[in-house]
Structure formats: C-alpha cells, structure tokens
Amino acid sequence: MFDDEIYDDIKLTKRKTITNGEKYDFYIYDMLSLEKKLSSGKFGKGETVISQTKNYKLQDEETGEMLDVKLKCSKKLDDALDGFEPAESKKVFNDCLNDLVNRGLVKV
C-alpha cells in the first residue's frame, strides 16, 4: 500500500504476533521523519516510543481486515505532549495524524 517512492517520509511496518493464543496482526507507523518535517527539525530525532494514541486502524491489503495501528514517535515529542507547554507538540502531533488520515489511516 505504501510505496517508498511515494511515501518516503513515513515507514509502515506490519507485525504479526500471537497474544494470549490469538493471532494479532498490527501496523507500526514510524512518524519520525514526518514529525521532523512538520516541526522544522525540533522533533523527529533521538529515542522513539510507541504513542499512547491507539484509536486508529488501517486496512490490510492481504486480508482486507482492519488492523490496529501503533504510532511510533520521538520520545521528545511524546514527553512534550505531557509537558508544561504542550501547544506546539500537540499541533505537530495532530498535523502528523491529519497527514496520515489523508493517506488512509482510519480513526475509530
């Protein structure tokens, strides 16, 4: 679905696992380069974390099933979202989400 030539600013990875004996497939969006671009380099570098935001899905082209999407962002951005002045980080994070929604991510 995401061709590196078209979407070179994000990295989409499908993970297949078994949780509590049940098959559980999901996607991980690596948003580092997207957040770096949208924040003019302030965010999008250093250590990464999986965001607490978990209400997004993306259709699996192989099965047609809607899979959960975990958002991988910079720790700096994630920490700033909970900081004393989160306005800038919230704007960057929301801009990243809006961009991803425009590319097929579905909010549930």
C-alpha atoms as a PDB file:
ATOM      1  CA  MET A   1       0.000   0.000   0.000  1.00  0.00           C
ATOM      2  CA  PHE A   2       2.720   2.486   0.878  1.00  0.00           C
ATOM      3  CA  ASP A   3       5.366   2.680  -1.794  1.00  0.00           C
ATOM      4  CA  ASP A   4       8.658   4.085  -0.505  1.00  0.00           C
ATOM      5  CA  GLU A   5       8.938   6.269  -3.605  1.00  0.00           C
ATOM      6  CA  ILE A   6       5.633   7.995  -2.848  1.00  0.00           C
ATOM      7  CA  TYR A   7       5.702   7.961   0.948  1.00  0.00           C
ATOM      8  CA  ASP A   8       9.368   8.391   1.738  1.00  0.00           C
ATOM      9  CA  ASP A   9       8.631  10.444   4.869  1.00  0.00           C
ATOM     10  CA  ILE A  10       6.992   7.598   6.843  1.00  0.00           C
ATOM     11  CA  LYS A  11       7.809   3.975   7.468  1.00  0.00           C
ATOM     12  CA  LEU A  12       4.997   1.442   7.747  1.00  0.00           C
ATOM     13  CA  THR A  13       5.744  -1.982   9.225  1.00  0.00           C
ATOM     14  CA  LYS A  14       3.325  -4.868   9.616  1.00  0.00           C
ATOM     15  CA  ARG A  15       3.856  -7.016  12.696  1.00  0.00           C
ATOM     16  CA  LYS A  16       2.430 -10.499  13.099  1.00  0.00           C
ATOM     17  CA  THR A  17       2.249 -11.947  16.576  1.00  0.00           C
ATOM     18  CA  ILE A  18       0.254 -14.235  18.837  1.00  0.00           C
ATOM     19  CA  THR A  19      -1.180 -12.752  22.027  1.00  0.00           C
ATOM     20  CA  ASN A  20      -2.911 -14.987  24.581  1.00  0.00           C
ATOM     21  CA  GLY A  21      -3.077 -17.749  21.973  1.00  0.00           C
ATOM     22  CA  GLU A  22      -4.830 -15.497  19.437  1.00  0.00           C
ATOM     23  CA  LYS A  23      -3.347 -14.235  16.179  1.00  0.00           C
ATOM     24  CA  TYR A  24      -2.799 -10.474  16.418  1.00  0.00           C
ATOM     25  CA  ASP A  25      -1.511  -8.507  13.439  1.00  0.00           C
ATOM     26  CA  PHE A  26      -0.943  -4.758  13.572  1.00  0.00           C
ATOM     27  CA  TYR A  27       0.906  -1.946  11.847  1.00  0.00           C
ATOM     28  CA  ILE A  28       3.518   0.406  13.243  1.00  0.00           C
ATOM     29  CA  TYR A  29       3.817   3.846  11.686  1.00  0.00           C
ATOM     30  CA  ASP A  30       7.271   5.346  12.209  1.00  0.00           C
ATOM     31  CA  MET A  31       6.470   9.071  12.136  1.00  0.00           C
ATOM     32  CA  LEU A  32       9.968  10.421  12.869  1.00  0.00           C
ATOM     33  CA  SER A  33      10.738  11.973   9.504  1.00  0.00           C
ATOM     34  CA  LEU A  34       7.174  13.291   9.162  1.00  0.00           C
ATOM     35  CA  GLU A  35       7.259  14.975  12.577  1.00  0.00           C
ATOM     36  CA  LYS A  36      10.756  16.305  11.843  1.00  0.00           C
ATOM     37  CA  LYS A  37       9.480  17.898   8.625  1.00  0.00           C
ATOM     38  CA  LEU A  38       6.341  19.335  10.267  1.00  0.00           C
ATOM     39  CA  SER A  39       8.265  20.751  13.250  1.00  0.00           C
ATOM     40  CA  SER A  40      11.143  22.218  11.216  1.00  0.00           C
ATOM     41  CA  GLY A  41      13.546  19.817  12.922  1.00  0.00           C
ATOM     42  CA  LYS A  42      12.548  20.425  16.554  1.00  0.00           C
ATOM     43  CA  PHE A  43      11.049  16.922  16.913  1.00  0.00           C
ATOM     44  CA  GLY A  44      11.629  13.696  14.989  1.00  0.00           C
ATOM     45  CA  LYS A  45      15.038  12.653  16.252  1.00  0.00           C
ATOM     46  CA  GLY A  46      16.551  10.648  19.074  1.00  0.00           C
ATOM     47  CA  GLU A  47      14.894   7.855  21.009  1.00  0.00           C
ATOM     48  CA  THR A  48      11.493   6.586  19.965  1.00  0.00           C
ATOM     49  CA  VAL A  49       8.396   5.393  21.818  1.00  0.00           C
ATOM     50  CA  ILE A  50       5.017   3.970  20.883  1.00  0.00           C
ATOM     51  CA  SER A  51       2.436   6.690  21.413  1.00  0.00           C
ATOM     52  CA  GLN A  52      -0.452   6.134  23.827  1.00  0.00           C
ATOM     53  CA  THR A  53      -2.818   7.115  20.981  1.00  0.00           C
ATOM     54  CA  LYS A  54      -4.319   3.803  19.893  1.00  0.00           C
ATOM     55  CA  ASN A  55      -7.612   4.623  18.175  1.00  0.00           C
ATOM     56  CA  TYR A  56      -6.516   4.233  14.548  1.00  0.00           C
ATOM     57  CA  LYS A  57      -6.781   1.383  12.061  1.00  0.00           C
ATOM     58  CA  LEU A  58      -5.585   0.659   8.538  1.00  0.00           C
ATOM     59  CA  GLN A  59      -6.882  -1.919   6.080  1.00  0.00           C
ATOM     60  CA  ASP A  60      -4.576  -4.849   5.409  1.00  0.00           C
ATOM     61  CA  GLU A  61      -4.247  -5.352   1.669  1.00  0.00           C
ATOM     62  CA  GLU A  62      -3.611  -9.088   2.092  1.00  0.00           C
ATOM     63  CA  THR A  63      -6.691  -9.942   4.168  1.00  0.00           C
ATOM     64  CA  GLY A  64      -8.936  -6.875   3.898  1.00  0.00           C
ATOM     65  CA  GLU A  65      -9.079  -6.848   7.693  1.00  0.00           C
ATOM     66  CA  MET A  66      -8.850  -3.567   9.604  1.00  0.00           C
ATOM     67  CA  LEU A  67      -5.691  -3.781  11.734  1.00  0.00           C
ATOM     68  CA  ASP A  68      -4.720  -1.674  14.733  1.00  0.00           C
ATOM     69  CA  VAL A  69      -2.093   0.980  14.107  1.00  0.00           C
ATOM     70  CA  LYS A  70       0.537   1.880  16.690  1.00  0.00           C
ATOM     71  CA  LEU A  71       2.219   5.232  16.206  1.00  0.00           C
ATOM     72  CA  LYS A  72       5.978   5.363  16.732  1.00  0.00           C
ATOM     73  CA  CYS A  73       7.116   8.904  17.501  1.00  0.00           C
ATOM     74  CA  SER A  74      10.105  10.588  19.074  1.00  0.00           C
ATOM     75  CA  LYS A  75      10.367  10.438  22.856  1.00  0.00           C
ATOM     76  CA  LYS A  76      10.948  14.189  22.782  1.00  0.00           C
ATOM     77  CA  LEU A  77       7.548  14.760  21.133  1.00  0.00           C
ATOM     78  CA  ASP A  78       5.796  12.273  23.417  1.00  0.00           C
ATOM     79  CA  ASP A  79       7.296  13.917  26.514  1.00  0.00           C
ATOM     80  CA  ALA A  80       6.369  17.396  25.258  1.00  0.00           C
ATOM     81  CA  LEU A  81       2.737  16.321  24.849  1.00  0.00           C
ATOM     82  CA  ASP A  82       2.614  15.830  28.626  1.00  0.00           C
ATOM     83  CA  GLY A  83       4.851  18.813  29.427  1.00  0.00           C
ATOM     84  CA  PHE A  84       4.141  22.265  30.822  1.00  0.00           C
ATOM     85  CA  GLU A  85       3.569  23.888  27.426  1.00  0.00           C
ATOM     86  CA  PRO A  86       2.177  21.186  25.109  1.00  0.00           C
ATOM     87  CA  ALA A  87       0.664  23.523  22.463  1.00  0.00           C
ATOM     88  CA  GLU A  88       3.468  23.200  19.884  1.00  0.00           C
ATOM     89  CA  SER A  89       3.870  19.449  20.335  1.00  0.00           C
ATOM     90  CA  LYS A  90       0.094  18.885  20.131  1.00  0.00           C
ATOM     91  CA  LYS A  91      -0.016  20.851  16.888  1.00  0.00           C
ATOM     92  CA  VAL A  92       2.846  18.794  15.390  1.00  0.00           C
ATOM     93  CA  PHE A  93       1.305  15.506  16.571  1.00  0.00           C
ATOM     94  CA  ASN A  94      -2.147  16.452  15.228  1.00  0.00           C
ATOM     95  CA  ASP A  95      -0.624  17.586  11.919  1.00  0.00           C
ATOM     96  CA  CYS A  96       1.107  14.178  11.650  1.00  0.00           C
ATOM     97  CA  LEU A  97      -2.187  12.397  12.353  1.00  0.00           C
ATOM     98  CA  ASN A  98      -4.074  14.529   9.814  1.00  0.00           C
ATOM     99  CA  ASP A  99      -1.443  13.758   7.192  1.00  0.00           C
ATOM    100  CA  LEU A 100      -1.689  10.032   7.932  1.00  0.00           C
ATOM    101  CA  VAL A 101      -5.512  10.126   7.814  1.00  0.00           C
ATOM    102  CA  ASN A 102      -5.226  11.690   4.364  1.00  0.00           C
ATOM    103  CA  ARG A 103      -3.140   8.630   3.388  1.00  0.00           C
ATOM    104  CA  GLY A 104      -5.717   6.076   4.528  1.00  0.00           C
ATOM    105  CA  LEU A 105      -5.483   5.840   8.320  1.00  0.00           C
ATOM    106  CA  VAL A 106      -8.962   5.477   9.865  1.00  0.00           C
ATOM    107  CA  LYS A 107      -9.916   6.883  13.268  1.00  0.00           C
ATOM    108  CA  VAL A 108     -12.183   4.572  15.272  1.00  0.00           C
END
